[in-house]
């Protein structure tokens, strides 16, 4: 019932917010997502109270479950044809309402809506669509994605990159807002607790050692080279972190390898992790108007094959990130932006 109450409260708050605004005025308010999200929290609290719910209930659920699936939480009507690239997200009433709902949703989880300057030019929201043409980006936009956490080379919140303290943490949450999904292509979610239940104690021990190499994920590589002068590699990474309330994970099937060559215990542990991810994948088919909030610490996510259809009425998701930024230093942000983090 907590998810249902959250959806009801979000719909009421966003409907009231947009009722007196033009599209241009909506876009202007969303240009400062941190201020916008926090400004609507009192109204959200009031609506939740009417339902016998609080934000603390929602935050607790978001840190216990791998994915919040918020059904029919916004109205995606009045959107243009599906774009052909990651950016820009076109301004229309439907896309703006989706973005506003996502921002307030993340604010309710004590997370600011953020981006990274090294990914897609630092745009706060990007289109997850099939990109026509040839090359790796186009192929990847059509294919399935195996289990991963986003921004895998960035440190966990509470940690620092040992070579560059400017690098901000990876996000706590990955937010997906569905505008179109005609073939009901599911996002796949893998709960870390379920994954670890399939690993033996030695595998879990190995995954906590700094003996893995992490490579920047594809959407970050060009931006890393532009900002840092080189691709960001972490060559002494651990994948599993013992936290106060359990484990957190950083891992990408396509961007992680063991530092030692051969059939080392580190590699065996990673292979066991990969197999467990496949066994634990839960499909979450987002309908237009749904939002999924995937916990990027206690879950991995992917998707099944999308297909080749592009533009028109083809699949279209908006993606953004949420992060508790209370411990960030100013040098971990890009100047002149309330939401863009370094690099």
Protein backbone atom coordinates (compact mmCIF):
# COMPACT_ATOMS: atom_id res chain seq x y z
CA UNK A 1 0.00 0.00 0.00
CA UNK A 2 2.92 2.38 0.55
CA UNK A 3 3.68 2.53 -3.20
CA UNK A 4 -0.02 3.13 -3.99
CA UNK A 5 -0.26 5.94 -1.43
CA UNK A 6 2.93 7.48 -2.80
CA UNK A 7 1.49 7.43 -6.35
CA UNK A 8 -1.77 9.03 -5.24
CA UNK A 9 0.00 11.82 -3.37
CA UNK A 10 2.43 12.50 -6.23
CA UNK A 11 -0.39 12.72 -8.79
CA UNK A 12 -2.32 15.22 -6.67
CA UNK A 13 0.70 17.41 -5.97
CA UNK A 14 1.93 17.52 -9.59
CA UNK A 15 -1.59 18.10 -10.98
CA UNK A 16 -2.04 21.04 -8.64
CA UNK A 17 1.42 22.40 -9.49
CA UNK A 18 0.95 22.42 -13.25
CA UNK A 19 -2.66 23.63 -13.26
CA UNK A 20 -1.76 27.33 -13.39
CA UNK A 21 1.43 27.12 -15.46
CA UNK A 22 2.31 27.29 -19.14
CA UNK A 23 4.76 24.84 -20.68
CA UNK A 24 7.48 27.52 -20.64
CA UNK A 25 6.84 28.27 -16.97
CA UNK A 26 6.99 24.58 -16.11
CA UNK A 27 10.30 24.20 -17.92
CA UNK A 28 11.73 27.23 -16.15
CA UNK A 29 10.90 25.85 -12.71
CA UNK A 30 12.44 22.48 -13.56
CA UNK A 31 15.72 24.14 -14.54
CA UNK A 32 16.57 24.18 -10.81
CA UNK A 33 15.48 20.67 -9.84
CA UNK A 34 16.87 20.76 -6.31
CA UNK A 35 14.90 23.86 -5.33
CA UNK A 36 11.82 22.64 -7.20
CA UNK A 37 11.79 19.21 -5.58
CA UNK A 38 12.23 20.51 -2.07
CA UNK A 39 9.60 23.22 -2.56
CA UNK A 40 6.89 20.63 -3.24
CA UNK A 41 7.69 18.39 -0.29
CA UNK A 42 5.35 20.17 2.19
CA UNK A 43 2.41 19.62 -0.17
CA UNK A 44 3.43 16.00 -0.64
CA UNK A 45 3.63 15.51 3.13
CA UNK A 46 0.10 16.86 3.51
CA UNK A 47 -1.30 14.48 0.91
CA UNK A 48 0.54 11.51 2.39
CA UNK A 49 -0.78 12.35 5.86
CA UNK A 50 -4.34 12.18 4.54
CA UNK A 51 -3.59 8.60 3.49
CA UNK A 52 -1.99 7.63 6.79
CA UNK A 53 1.48 7.53 5.25
CA UNK A 54 4.72 9.47 5.74
CA UNK A 55 7.87 10.05 3.74
CA UNK A 56 9.80 7.99 6.27
CA UNK A 57 7.67 4.99 5.27
CA UNK A 58 8.59 5.57 1.63
CA UNK A 59 12.29 6.07 2.34
CA UNK A 60 12.35 2.89 4.39
CA UNK A 61 10.73 0.93 1.58
CA UNK A 62 13.14 2.36 -1.01
CA UNK A 63 16.10 1.06 1.00
CA UNK A 64 14.56 -2.36 1.59
CA UNK A 65 13.34 -3.19 -1.91
CA UNK A 66 15.38 -3.22 -5.14
CA UNK A 67 12.82 -1.23 -7.12
CA UNK A 68 9.81 0.97 -6.44
CA UNK A 69 7.32 0.52 -9.29
CA UNK A 70 5.02 3.55 -9.29
CA UNK A 71 2.11 2.74 -11.57
CA UNK A 72 0.20 5.39 -13.56
CA UNK A 73 1.85 8.11 -11.51
CA UNK A 74 1.83 10.69 -14.33
CA UNK A 75 -0.06 11.35 -17.56
CA UNK A 76 2.16 10.94 -20.66
CA UNK A 77 -0.34 12.47 -23.09
CA UNK A 78 0.65 15.24 -25.47
CA UNK A 79 4.16 13.99 -26.24
CA UNK A 80 5.85 14.23 -29.65
CA UNK A 81 7.30 11.37 -31.69
CA UNK A 82 10.00 9.37 -29.95
CA UNK A 83 13.39 11.11 -30.32
CA UNK A 84 16.32 9.58 -32.17
CA UNK A 85 19.09 10.29 -29.66
CA UNK A 86 19.85 10.53 -25.95
CA UNK A 87 19.40 14.30 -26.00
CA UNK A 88 17.70 16.66 -25.90
CA UNK A 89 14.46 15.74 -24.17
CA UNK A 90 11.78 17.76 -25.99
CA UNK A 91 9.69 20.15 -23.91
CA UNK A 92 6.03 19.21 -23.99
CA UNK A 93 3.43 19.00 -21.25
CA UNK A 94 3.78 15.22 -21.05
CA UNK A 95 7.58 15.16 -20.80
CA UNK A 96 7.62 18.03 -18.31
CA UNK A 97 5.07 16.34 -16.06
CA UNK A 98 7.13 13.13 -16.19
CA UNK A 99 10.26 15.05 -15.20
CA UNK A 100 8.50 16.98 -12.45
CA UNK A 101 7.07 13.77 -10.99
CA UNK A 102 10.50 12.10 -11.03
CA UNK A 103 12.17 15.07 -9.32
CA UNK A 104 9.60 15.22 -6.52
CA UNK A 105 9.70 11.44 -6.16
CA UNK A 106 13.48 11.52 -5.64
CA UNK A 107 13.24 14.49 -3.29
CA UNK A 108 10.81 12.46 -1.18
CA UNK A 109 13.57 9.83 -0.88
CA UNK A 110 16.00 12.46 0.49
CA UNK A 111 17.81 12.48 -2.85
CA UNK A 112 18.59 15.39 -5.17
CA UNK A 113 18.05 14.83 -8.88
CA UNK A 114 21.54 14.95 -10.40
CA UNK A 115 23.54 14.36 -13.55
CA UNK A 116 27.25 13.96 -14.33
CA UNK A 117 29.02 16.32 -16.71
CA UNK A 118 30.82 13.41 -18.34
CA UNK A 119 27.62 11.67 -19.48
CA UNK A 120 25.47 13.06 -22.31
CA UNK A 121 26.72 16.60 -21.81
CA UNK A 122 25.45 16.68 -18.24
CA UNK A 123 21.77 16.76 -19.24
CA UNK A 124 19.56 16.09 -16.22
CA UNK A 125 17.22 13.79 -18.15
CA UNK A 126 18.09 11.69 -21.19
CA UNK A 127 16.00 9.73 -23.67
CA UNK A 128 16.42 5.96 -23.55
CA UNK A 129 15.43 5.18 -27.12
CA UNK A 130 16.60 3.17 -30.12
CA UNK A 131 19.22 5.24 -31.92
CA UNK A 132 19.30 4.61 -35.69
CA UNK A 133 22.50 4.12 -37.66
CA UNK A 134 25.60 2.01 -37.30
CA UNK A 135 28.15 1.65 -34.55
CA UNK A 136 28.31 0.51 -30.97
CA UNK A 137 25.97 3.13 -29.51
CA UNK A 138 23.20 2.26 -31.96
CA UNK A 139 23.69 -1.48 -31.45
CA UNK A 140 23.64 -1.11 -27.67
CA UNK A 141 20.43 0.93 -27.79
CA UNK A 142 18.69 -2.03 -29.46
CA UNK A 143 20.13 -4.91 -27.48
CA UNK A 144 19.53 -6.44 -24.08
CA UNK A 145 21.52 -5.21 -21.10
CA UNK A 146 22.85 -7.50 -18.40
CA UNK A 147 23.06 -6.68 -14.71
CA UNK A 148 24.91 -3.52 -13.79
CA UNK A 149 24.96 -0.52 -11.51
CA UNK A 150 25.17 2.93 -13.11
CA UNK A 151 28.30 5.13 -13.01
CA UNK A 152 30.27 2.08 -11.94
CA UNK A 153 33.70 3.75 -11.88
CA UNK A 154 32.55 6.44 -9.46
CA UNK A 155 33.00 5.77 -5.73
CA UNK A 156 30.29 4.68 -3.34
CA UNK A 157 28.69 7.44 -1.30
CA UNK A 158 30.86 7.78 1.80
CA UNK A 159 34.03 6.89 -0.11
CA UNK A 160 36.51 8.89 -2.23
CA UNK A 161 38.30 8.06 -5.44
CA UNK A 162 41.87 7.43 -4.20
CA UNK A 163 43.46 9.35 -7.08
CA UNK A 164 41.01 12.20 -7.67
CA UNK A 165 38.87 13.41 -4.74
CA UNK A 166 36.85 15.63 -7.09
CA UNK A 167 34.97 12.63 -8.48
CA UNK A 168 31.45 12.55 -7.06
CA UNK A 169 29.77 9.36 -5.85
CA UNK A 170 27.68 7.19 -8.13
CA UNK A 171 23.92 7.68 -7.73
CA UNK A 172 21.84 6.11 -4.99
CA UNK A 173 18.88 5.72 -7.35
CA UNK A 174 18.28 5.28 -11.06
CA UNK A 175 14.91 6.72 -12.09
CA UNK A 176 13.11 5.53 -15.24
CA UNK A 177 9.92 7.26 -16.44
CA UNK A 178 8.03 5.43 -19.17
CA UNK A 179 6.56 7.55 -21.97
CA UNK A 180 6.09 4.71 -24.48
CA UNK A 181 6.64 0.96 -24.32
CA UNK A 182 4.47 -0.59 -27.05
CA UNK A 183 6.05 -4.05 -26.84
CA UNK A 184 6.13 -4.09 -23.02
CA UNK A 185 9.92 -4.53 -23.04
CA UNK A 186 10.76 -5.17 -19.39
CA UNK A 187 13.45 -3.59 -17.31
CA UNK A 188 15.12 -6.35 -15.31
CA UNK A 189 15.96 -5.88 -11.64
CA UNK A 190 18.22 -8.11 -9.53
CA UNK A 191 18.09 -7.82 -5.75
CA UNK A 192 21.52 -7.98 -4.14
CA UNK A 193 20.25 -9.97 -1.18
CA UNK A 194 18.93 -12.66 -3.52
CA UNK A 195 22.17 -12.66 -5.51
CA UNK A 196 24.31 -13.11 -2.40
CA UNK A 197 22.15 -16.00 -1.23
CA UNK A 198 23.42 -17.92 -4.27
CA UNK A 199 27.11 -17.24 -3.55
CA UNK A 200 29.28 -19.09 -1.08
CA UNK A 201 31.23 -17.34 1.69
CA UNK A 202 34.50 -17.45 -0.26
CA UNK A 203 32.96 -15.72 -3.28
CA UNK A 204 31.56 -12.98 -1.05
CA UNK A 205 34.96 -12.59 0.60
CA UNK A 206 36.74 -12.27 -2.76
CA UNK A 207 34.28 -9.65 -4.05
CA UNK A 208 35.19 -7.42 -1.10
CA UNK A 209 38.88 -7.36 -2.02
CA UNK A 210 40.36 -4.50 -4.14
CA UNK A 211 41.29 -6.81 -7.01
CA UNK A 212 39.05 -5.80 -9.91
CA UNK A 213 39.40 -3.39 -12.83
CA UNK A 214 36.45 -1.15 -13.64
CA UNK A 215 36.20 0.55 -17.02
CA UNK A 216 33.97 3.54 -17.74
CA UNK A 217 30.63 2.57 -19.19
CA UNK A 218 30.03 3.49 -22.82
CA UNK A 219 27.91 6.62 -22.27
CA UNK A 220 30.62 8.12 -20.03
CA UNK A 221 33.74 7.49 -22.11
CA UNK A 222 33.80 10.51 -24.43
CA UNK A 223 32.93 12.88 -21.60
CA UNK A 224 35.63 11.43 -19.37
CA UNK A 225 38.28 12.04 -21.97
CA UNK A 226 37.01 15.58 -22.55
CA UNK A 227 36.92 16.51 -18.85
CA UNK A 228 39.70 14.37 -17.35
CA UNK A 229 41.88 14.01 -20.43
CA UNK A 230 41.58 10.23 -20.29
CA UNK A 231 39.08 7.49 -19.66
CA UNK A 232 38.48 6.81 -15.98
CA UNK A 233 39.75 3.36 -14.96
CA UNK A 234 39.72 1.96 -11.44
CA UNK A 235 42.35 -0.77 -11.25
CA UNK A 236 42.07 -1.72 -7.57
CA UNK A 237 38.31 -1.82 -7.13
CA UNK A 238 36.26 -3.88 -4.77
CA UNK A 239 32.78 -4.81 -5.93
CA UNK A 240 31.03 -5.55 -2.64
CA UNK A 241 30.98 -3.24 0.38
CA UNK A 242 29.95 -4.18 3.91
CA UNK A 243 27.70 -1.39 5.16
CA UNK A 244 25.90 -0.92 8.45
CA UNK A 245 22.65 -2.45 7.20
CA UNK A 246 24.05 -5.00 4.78
CA UNK A 247 26.02 -4.97 1.54
CA UNK A 248 26.22 -2.42 -1.28
CA UNK A 249 27.49 -3.31 -4.75
CA UNK A 250 29.16 -1.73 -7.78
CA UNK A 251 29.37 -3.92 -10.85
CA UNK A 252 28.88 -3.89 -14.61
CA UNK A 253 28.84 -7.09 -16.63
CA UNK A 254 30.50 -5.35 -19.61
CA UNK A 255 32.95 -3.11 -17.72
CA UNK A 256 34.44 -5.29 -14.97
CA UNK A 257 37.26 -7.80 -14.98
CA UNK A 258 39.55 -9.41 -12.44
CA UNK A 259 42.99 -7.83 -12.18
CA UNK A 260 44.74 -11.20 -12.16
CA UNK A 261 44.78 -13.15 -15.39
CA UNK A 262 43.75 -16.77 -15.43
CA UNK A 263 41.29 -18.70 -13.31
CA UNK A 264 41.96 -16.81 -10.10
CA UNK A 265 39.63 -16.84 -7.06
CA UNK A 266 38.72 -13.23 -7.97
CA UNK A 267 37.60 -14.26 -11.44
CA UNK A 268 35.70 -17.27 -10.12
CA UNK A 269 33.84 -15.02 -7.68
CA UNK A 270 32.95 -12.59 -10.48
CA UNK A 271 31.69 -15.41 -12.70
CA UNK A 272 29.55 -16.69 -9.84
CA UNK A 273 28.18 -13.17 -9.38
CA UNK A 274 27.32 -12.93 -13.08
CA UNK A 275 25.52 -16.27 -13.02
CA UNK A 276 23.59 -15.33 -9.90
CA UNK A 277 22.47 -12.08 -11.56
CA UNK A 278 20.98 -14.07 -14.44
CA UNK A 279 19.19 -16.37 -12.02
CA UNK A 280 17.74 -13.51 -9.96
CA UNK A 281 16.50 -11.20 -12.72
CA UNK A 282 12.93 -10.02 -12.16
CA UNK A 283 11.11 -8.42 -15.15
CA UNK A 284 9.45 -5.06 -14.53
CA UNK A 285 7.42 -3.98 -17.57
CA UNK A 286 6.80 -0.25 -17.34
CA UNK A 287 3.59 1.03 -18.91
CA UNK A 288 3.29 4.64 -20.11
CA UNK A 289 2.90 6.80 -17.03
CA UNK A 290 4.88 4.45 -14.77
CA UNK A 291 8.08 5.31 -12.94
CA UNK A 292 10.65 2.82 -11.63
CA UNK A 293 13.09 3.85 -8.92
CA UNK A 294 15.91 1.30 -8.87
CA UNK A 295 18.16 1.32 -5.81
CA UNK A 296 21.67 1.54 -7.29
CA UNK A 297 23.27 0.25 -4.06
CA UNK A 298 21.26 -2.88 -3.27
CA UNK A 299 20.21 -3.90 -6.78
CA UNK A 300 21.48 -4.29 -10.31
CA UNK A 301 19.37 -3.66 -13.37
CA UNK A 302 19.26 -4.35 -17.09
CA UNK A 303 16.64 -4.99 -19.76
CA UNK A 304 15.61 -7.52 -22.36
CA UNK A 305 16.17 -6.90 -26.08
CA UNK A 306 14.47 -3.72 -27.31
CA UNK A 307 14.45 -4.34 -31.06
CA UNK A 308 15.18 -2.16 -34.09
CA UNK A 309 12.11 0.10 -34.26
CA UNK A 310 12.98 3.78 -33.78
CA UNK A 311 11.20 7.14 -33.78
CA UNK A 312 7.45 7.38 -34.24
CA UNK A 313 5.63 5.54 -31.47
CA UNK A 314 8.57 3.33 -30.44
CA UNK A 315 9.84 2.74 -26.90
CA UNK A 316 10.79 5.89 -24.98
CA UNK A 317 11.98 6.14 -21.40
CA UNK A 318 13.37 9.14 -19.57
CA UNK A 319 16.25 8.45 -17.19
CA UNK A 320 17.75 10.49 -14.39
CA UNK A 321 19.64 9.91 -11.15
CA UNK A 322 19.03 10.56 -7.46
CA UNK A 323 21.73 11.04 -4.82
CA UNK A 324 21.95 12.12 -1.21
CA UNK A 325 24.30 15.09 -1.73
CA UNK A 326 24.52 16.22 1.90
CA UNK A 327 28.19 15.20 2.19
CA UNK A 328 29.39 16.51 -1.19
CA UNK A 329 32.14 19.12 -1.37
CA UNK A 330 31.74 22.05 -3.74
CA UNK A 331 34.66 20.85 -5.87
CA UNK A 332 32.65 17.69 -6.59
CA UNK A 333 30.13 19.79 -8.49
CA UNK A 334 30.36 21.62 -11.79
CA UNK A 335 30.30 25.39 -11.27
CA UNK A 336 27.15 27.30 -12.24
CA UNK A 337 24.93 24.22 -11.96
CA UNK A 338 22.66 23.15 -9.13
CA UNK A 339 22.58 19.53 -10.29
CA UNK A 340 25.62 18.60 -12.41
CA UNK A 341 28.30 16.62 -10.59
CA UNK A 342 31.97 16.07 -11.45
CA UNK A 343 33.31 14.73 -13.70
